[in-house]
N, C-alpha and C. Protein backbone atom coordinates (compact mmCIF):
# COMPACT_ATOMS: atom_id res chain seq x y z
N MET A 1 0.83 -1.19 0.00
CA MET A 1 0.00 0.00 0.00
C MET A 1 0.86 1.24 0.00
N GLU A 2 0.92 1.89 -1.06
CA GLU A 2 1.66 3.13 -1.14
C GLU A 2 0.68 4.27 -1.28
N ASP A 3 1.03 5.36 -0.64
CA ASP A 3 0.16 6.52 -0.78
C ASP A 3 0.50 7.27 -2.06
N LEU A 4 -0.05 8.43 -2.24
CA LEU A 4 0.13 9.17 -3.49
C LEU A 4 1.56 9.59 -3.74
N ASN A 5 2.36 9.72 -2.71
CA ASN A 5 3.76 10.16 -2.86
C ASN A 5 4.70 9.00 -3.16
N GLY A 6 4.21 7.77 -3.17
CA GLY A 6 5.06 6.62 -3.47
C GLY A 6 5.73 6.02 -2.25
N SER A 7 5.42 6.50 -1.07
CA SER A 7 6.03 5.95 0.14
C SER A 7 5.08 4.95 0.79
N SER A 8 5.64 4.12 1.66
CA SER A 8 4.84 3.12 2.34
C SER A 8 3.95 3.79 3.38
N SER A 9 2.88 3.12 3.70
CA SER A 9 1.97 3.68 4.68
C SER A 9 2.55 3.49 6.09
N PHE A 10 2.00 4.20 7.03
CA PHE A 10 2.42 4.16 8.41
C PHE A 10 2.31 2.74 8.96
N PHE A 11 1.23 2.06 8.65
CA PHE A 11 1.01 0.72 9.18
C PHE A 11 1.99 -0.30 8.60
N GLU A 12 2.40 -0.13 7.35
CA GLU A 12 3.40 -1.03 6.78
C GLU A 12 4.75 -0.84 7.44
N VAL A 13 5.10 0.40 7.75
CA VAL A 13 6.37 0.68 8.43
C VAL A 13 6.35 0.05 9.82
N ILE A 14 5.24 0.20 10.53
CA ILE A 14 5.10 -0.39 11.86
C ILE A 14 5.17 -1.91 11.77
N GLU A 15 4.48 -2.48 10.80
CA GLU A 15 4.49 -3.94 10.64
C GLU A 15 5.88 -4.45 10.31
N ASP A 16 6.62 -3.72 9.49
CA ASP A 16 7.98 -4.10 9.16
C ASP A 16 8.87 -4.05 10.41
N GLY A 17 8.73 -3.02 11.22
CA GLY A 17 9.50 -2.90 12.45
C GLY A 17 9.17 -4.02 13.44
N VAL A 18 7.90 -4.35 13.54
CA VAL A 18 7.48 -5.43 14.44
C VAL A 18 8.04 -6.76 13.96
N ASN A 19 8.03 -7.00 12.65
CA ASN A 19 8.58 -8.25 12.11
C ASN A 19 10.08 -8.36 12.38
N ARG A 20 10.80 -7.25 12.21
CA ARG A 20 12.24 -7.26 12.49
C ARG A 20 12.50 -7.49 13.99
N ALA A 21 11.69 -6.87 14.83
CA ALA A 21 11.85 -7.07 16.27
C ALA A 21 11.55 -8.52 16.64
N ARG A 22 10.54 -9.11 16.02
CA ARG A 22 10.20 -10.51 16.27
C ARG A 22 11.35 -11.43 15.87
N GLU A 23 11.97 -11.17 14.72
CA GLU A 23 13.11 -11.96 14.27
C GLU A 23 14.30 -11.83 15.23
N LEU A 24 14.53 -10.60 15.69
CA LEU A 24 15.63 -10.37 16.63
C LEU A 24 15.38 -11.09 17.95
N ILE A 25 14.16 -11.02 18.45
CA ILE A 25 13.83 -11.71 19.70
C ILE A 25 13.95 -13.21 19.52
N GLN A 26 13.52 -13.73 18.39
CA GLN A 26 13.64 -15.17 18.14
C GLN A 26 15.11 -15.60 18.09
N ALA A 27 15.97 -14.79 17.47
CA ALA A 27 17.39 -15.10 17.43
C ALA A 27 18.00 -15.06 18.84
N LEU A 28 17.58 -14.10 19.66
CA LEU A 28 18.07 -14.03 21.03
C LEU A 28 17.61 -15.23 21.85
N ILE A 29 16.39 -15.67 21.64
CA ILE A 29 15.88 -16.84 22.35
C ILE A 29 16.67 -18.08 21.96
N GLU A 30 16.94 -18.26 20.67
CA GLU A 30 17.72 -19.41 20.22
C GLU A 30 19.13 -19.38 20.79
N SER A 31 19.73 -18.21 20.83
CA SER A 31 21.07 -18.07 21.40
C SER A 31 21.07 -18.40 22.89
N ALA A 32 20.05 -17.94 23.61
CA ALA A 32 19.95 -18.23 25.04
C ALA A 32 19.72 -19.72 25.28
N GLN A 33 18.96 -20.37 24.42
CA GLN A 33 18.74 -21.81 24.57
C GLN A 33 20.03 -22.59 24.36
N GLN A 34 20.82 -22.20 23.37
CA GLN A 34 22.10 -22.87 23.13
C GLN A 34 23.04 -22.66 24.32
N ALA A 35 23.08 -21.44 24.85
CA ALA A 35 23.93 -21.17 26.01
C ALA A 35 23.47 -21.97 27.22
N ALA A 36 22.17 -22.10 27.40
CA ALA A 36 21.65 -22.87 28.54
C ALA A 36 21.99 -24.34 28.41
N GLU A 37 21.94 -24.88 27.20
CA GLU A 37 22.30 -26.28 26.99
C GLU A 37 23.78 -26.50 27.30
N GLY A 38 24.63 -25.57 26.88
CA GLY A 38 26.06 -25.68 27.18
C GLY A 38 26.32 -25.59 28.67
N PHE A 39 25.61 -24.67 29.34
CA PHE A 39 25.77 -24.54 30.79
C PHE A 39 25.32 -25.80 31.50
N LYS A 40 24.22 -26.37 31.03
CA LYS A 40 23.70 -27.59 31.65
C LYS A 40 24.70 -28.74 31.51
N ALA A 41 25.33 -28.84 30.35
CA ALA A 41 26.32 -29.90 30.13
C ALA A 41 27.55 -29.69 31.02
N ARG A 42 28.01 -28.43 31.13
CA ARG A 42 29.18 -28.16 31.98
C ARG A 42 28.86 -28.39 33.46
N ALA A 43 27.65 -28.03 33.87
CA ALA A 43 27.27 -28.25 35.26
C ALA A 43 27.18 -29.74 35.57
N ALA A 44 26.64 -30.52 34.65
CA ALA A 44 26.55 -31.96 34.86
C ALA A 44 27.95 -32.57 34.96
N LYS A 45 28.87 -32.11 34.11
CA LYS A 45 30.25 -32.62 34.16
C LYS A 45 30.92 -32.22 35.48
N PHE A 46 30.68 -31.00 35.94
CA PHE A 46 31.25 -30.54 37.21
C PHE A 46 30.77 -31.41 38.37
N TRP A 47 29.46 -31.65 38.45
CA TRP A 47 28.93 -32.44 39.56
C TRP A 47 29.37 -33.89 39.46
N GLU A 48 29.54 -34.41 38.26
CA GLU A 48 30.05 -35.76 38.09
C GLU A 48 31.49 -35.85 38.62
N THR A 49 32.28 -34.83 38.34
CA THR A 49 33.66 -34.81 38.84
C THR A 49 33.69 -34.72 40.36
N ILE A 50 32.84 -33.89 40.94
CA ILE A 50 32.76 -33.78 42.39
C ILE A 50 32.38 -35.13 43.00
N TRP A 51 31.43 -35.80 42.39
CA TRP A 51 30.98 -37.09 42.89
C TRP A 51 32.11 -38.12 42.82
N GLN A 52 32.88 -38.11 41.73
CA GLN A 52 34.00 -39.04 41.59
C GLN A 52 35.10 -38.75 42.61
N ILE A 53 35.35 -37.48 42.88
CA ILE A 53 36.34 -37.12 43.90
C ILE A 53 35.89 -37.62 45.26
N ASP A 54 34.60 -37.46 45.56
CA ASP A 54 34.08 -37.93 46.85
C ASP A 54 34.19 -39.44 46.95
N LYS A 55 33.91 -40.15 45.85
CA LYS A 55 34.06 -41.61 45.86
C LYS A 55 35.52 -42.00 46.07
N ALA A 56 36.44 -41.29 45.42
CA ALA A 56 37.86 -41.60 45.57
C ALA A 56 38.33 -41.36 47.00
N LYS A 57 37.87 -40.28 47.62
CA LYS A 57 38.24 -40.02 49.02
C LYS A 57 37.72 -41.13 49.93
N ALA A 58 36.48 -41.53 49.70
CA ALA A 58 35.91 -42.60 50.54
C ALA A 58 36.66 -43.91 50.34
N LEU A 59 37.00 -44.22 49.10
CA LEU A 59 37.74 -45.45 48.82
C LEU A 59 39.12 -45.41 49.45
N PHE A 60 39.80 -44.30 49.32
CA PHE A 60 41.13 -44.15 49.89
C PHE A 60 41.09 -44.28 51.41
N ALA A 61 40.08 -43.65 52.02
CA ALA A 61 39.96 -43.73 53.47
C ALA A 61 39.62 -45.15 53.91
N SER A 62 38.79 -45.85 53.14
CA SER A 62 38.45 -47.21 53.53
C SER A 62 39.64 -48.15 53.38
N LEU A 63 40.51 -47.88 52.41
CA LEU A 63 41.71 -48.70 52.26
C LEU A 63 42.66 -48.52 53.45
N LEU A 64 42.70 -47.30 53.97
CA LEU A 64 43.58 -47.04 55.11
C LEU A 64 42.88 -47.32 56.44
N GLY A 65 41.58 -47.49 56.41
CA GLY A 65 40.84 -47.77 57.63
C GLY A 65 40.63 -46.57 58.51
N THR A 66 40.66 -45.36 57.91
CA THR A 66 40.47 -44.14 58.69
C THR A 66 39.42 -43.27 58.01
N ASP A 67 39.06 -42.22 58.71
CA ASP A 67 38.16 -41.22 58.15
C ASP A 67 38.91 -40.43 57.07
N HIS A 68 38.20 -40.00 56.04
CA HIS A 68 38.91 -39.30 54.97
C HIS A 68 39.43 -37.93 55.42
N HIS A 69 38.83 -37.31 56.42
CA HIS A 69 39.36 -36.05 56.94
C HIS A 69 40.69 -36.29 57.66
N GLU A 70 40.75 -37.37 58.39
CA GLU A 70 42.00 -37.72 59.07
C GLU A 70 43.09 -38.04 58.06
N THR A 71 42.73 -38.75 57.01
CA THR A 71 43.70 -39.08 55.97
C THR A 71 44.22 -37.83 55.29
N LEU A 72 43.32 -36.91 54.97
CA LEU A 72 43.73 -35.66 54.34
C LEU A 72 44.64 -34.86 55.27
N THR A 73 44.33 -34.84 56.55
CA THR A 73 45.17 -34.13 57.51
C THR A 73 46.57 -34.74 57.56
N LYS A 74 46.66 -36.06 57.55
CA LYS A 74 47.96 -36.72 57.56
C LYS A 74 48.76 -36.39 56.31
N ILE A 75 48.09 -36.40 55.17
CA ILE A 75 48.79 -36.09 53.91
C ILE A 75 49.30 -34.66 53.93
N LEU A 76 48.47 -33.71 54.37
CA LEU A 76 48.90 -32.32 54.43
C LEU A 76 50.05 -32.14 55.42
N TYR A 77 50.00 -32.86 56.54
CA TYR A 77 51.09 -32.80 57.52
C TYR A 77 52.39 -33.29 56.91
N LEU A 78 52.33 -34.41 56.19
CA LEU A 78 53.55 -34.94 55.57
C LEU A 78 54.08 -34.02 54.48
N LEU A 79 53.18 -33.44 53.69
CA LEU A 79 53.63 -32.49 52.66
C LEU A 79 54.25 -31.25 53.30
N GLY A 80 53.67 -30.80 54.41
CA GLY A 80 54.24 -29.64 55.11
C GLY A 80 55.62 -29.93 55.66
N ARG A 81 55.79 -31.10 56.26
CA ARG A 81 57.11 -31.49 56.78
C ARG A 81 58.12 -31.59 55.65
N HIS A 82 57.70 -32.14 54.52
CA HIS A 82 58.59 -32.26 53.37
C HIS A 82 59.01 -30.87 52.89
N ALA A 83 58.08 -29.94 52.87
CA ALA A 83 58.40 -28.59 52.41
C ALA A 83 59.35 -27.89 53.37
N VAL A 84 59.16 -28.10 54.67
CA VAL A 84 60.03 -27.46 55.66
C VAL A 84 61.45 -27.99 55.55
N PHE A 85 61.60 -29.28 55.41
CA PHE A 85 62.93 -29.86 55.36
C PHE A 85 63.63 -29.65 54.03
N ARG A 86 62.93 -29.19 53.03
CA ARG A 86 63.54 -28.95 51.72
C ARG A 86 64.15 -27.56 51.63
N VAL A 87 63.87 -26.66 52.57
CA VAL A 87 64.42 -25.31 52.51
C VAL A 87 65.89 -25.38 52.89
N PRO A 88 66.80 -25.00 52.01
CA PRO A 88 68.24 -25.12 52.27
C PRO A 88 68.76 -23.93 53.08
N LEU A 89 68.63 -24.00 54.40
CA LEU A 89 69.00 -22.86 55.23
C LEU A 89 70.49 -22.75 55.48
N PHE A 90 71.25 -23.81 55.36
CA PHE A 90 72.65 -23.78 55.75
C PHE A 90 73.60 -23.80 54.56
N ARG A 91 73.12 -23.62 53.38
CA ARG A 91 73.99 -23.54 52.21
C ARG A 91 74.25 -22.08 51.89
N TYR A 92 75.27 -21.86 51.12
CA TYR A 92 75.61 -20.51 50.73
C TYR A 92 75.52 -20.40 49.21
N GLY A 93 75.24 -19.22 48.75
CA GLY A 93 75.14 -18.97 47.33
C GLY A 93 74.20 -17.81 47.07
N PRO A 94 74.26 -17.23 45.89
CA PRO A 94 73.43 -16.05 45.60
C PRO A 94 71.94 -16.36 45.61
N GLN A 95 71.55 -17.59 45.26
CA GLN A 95 70.14 -17.93 45.23
C GLN A 95 69.56 -18.13 46.63
N LEU A 96 70.42 -18.23 47.67
CA LEU A 96 69.96 -18.46 49.03
C LEU A 96 70.13 -17.24 49.92
N SER A 97 70.42 -16.10 49.36
CA SER A 97 70.71 -14.93 50.18
C SER A 97 69.52 -14.51 51.03
N GLU A 98 68.31 -14.77 50.58
CA GLU A 98 67.15 -14.37 51.38
C GLU A 98 66.94 -15.27 52.59
N PHE A 99 67.59 -16.45 52.63
CA PHE A 99 67.45 -17.34 53.78
C PHE A 99 68.49 -17.07 54.86
N ARG A 100 69.66 -16.53 54.50
CA ARG A 100 70.75 -16.38 55.45
C ARG A 100 70.46 -15.38 56.55
N HIS A 101 69.64 -14.38 56.27
CA HIS A 101 69.40 -13.34 57.28
C HIS A 101 68.64 -13.86 58.48
N ARG A 102 68.07 -15.03 58.41
CA ARG A 102 67.32 -15.58 59.54
C ARG A 102 68.22 -15.97 60.70
N PHE A 103 69.47 -16.32 60.43
CA PHE A 103 70.35 -16.82 61.47
C PHE A 103 71.44 -15.82 61.85
N ARG A 104 71.40 -14.60 61.39
CA ARG A 104 72.43 -13.62 61.72
C ARG A 104 71.99 -12.72 62.82
């Protein structure tokens, strides 16, 4: 419907704008659906990993015959002792200069 000047009518312009807005909203909905599916897959993988870690802790604790918190505490204690004894406090050299000031 063109008026006498050859331009589109007001209602055609509005209808065209509404159609473009509808297409844009549909594209946004499709994009959000794809993002939600990806998030759902990542969340499922995350919770599966957490569940496997929990199973591994329980299995490890049952093999040692202790609670898994106690086992974790023992492991952290041993790692801490290993780290403390690895610090070379009595050697000399440019790479150890920050350790020497502790005993002077």
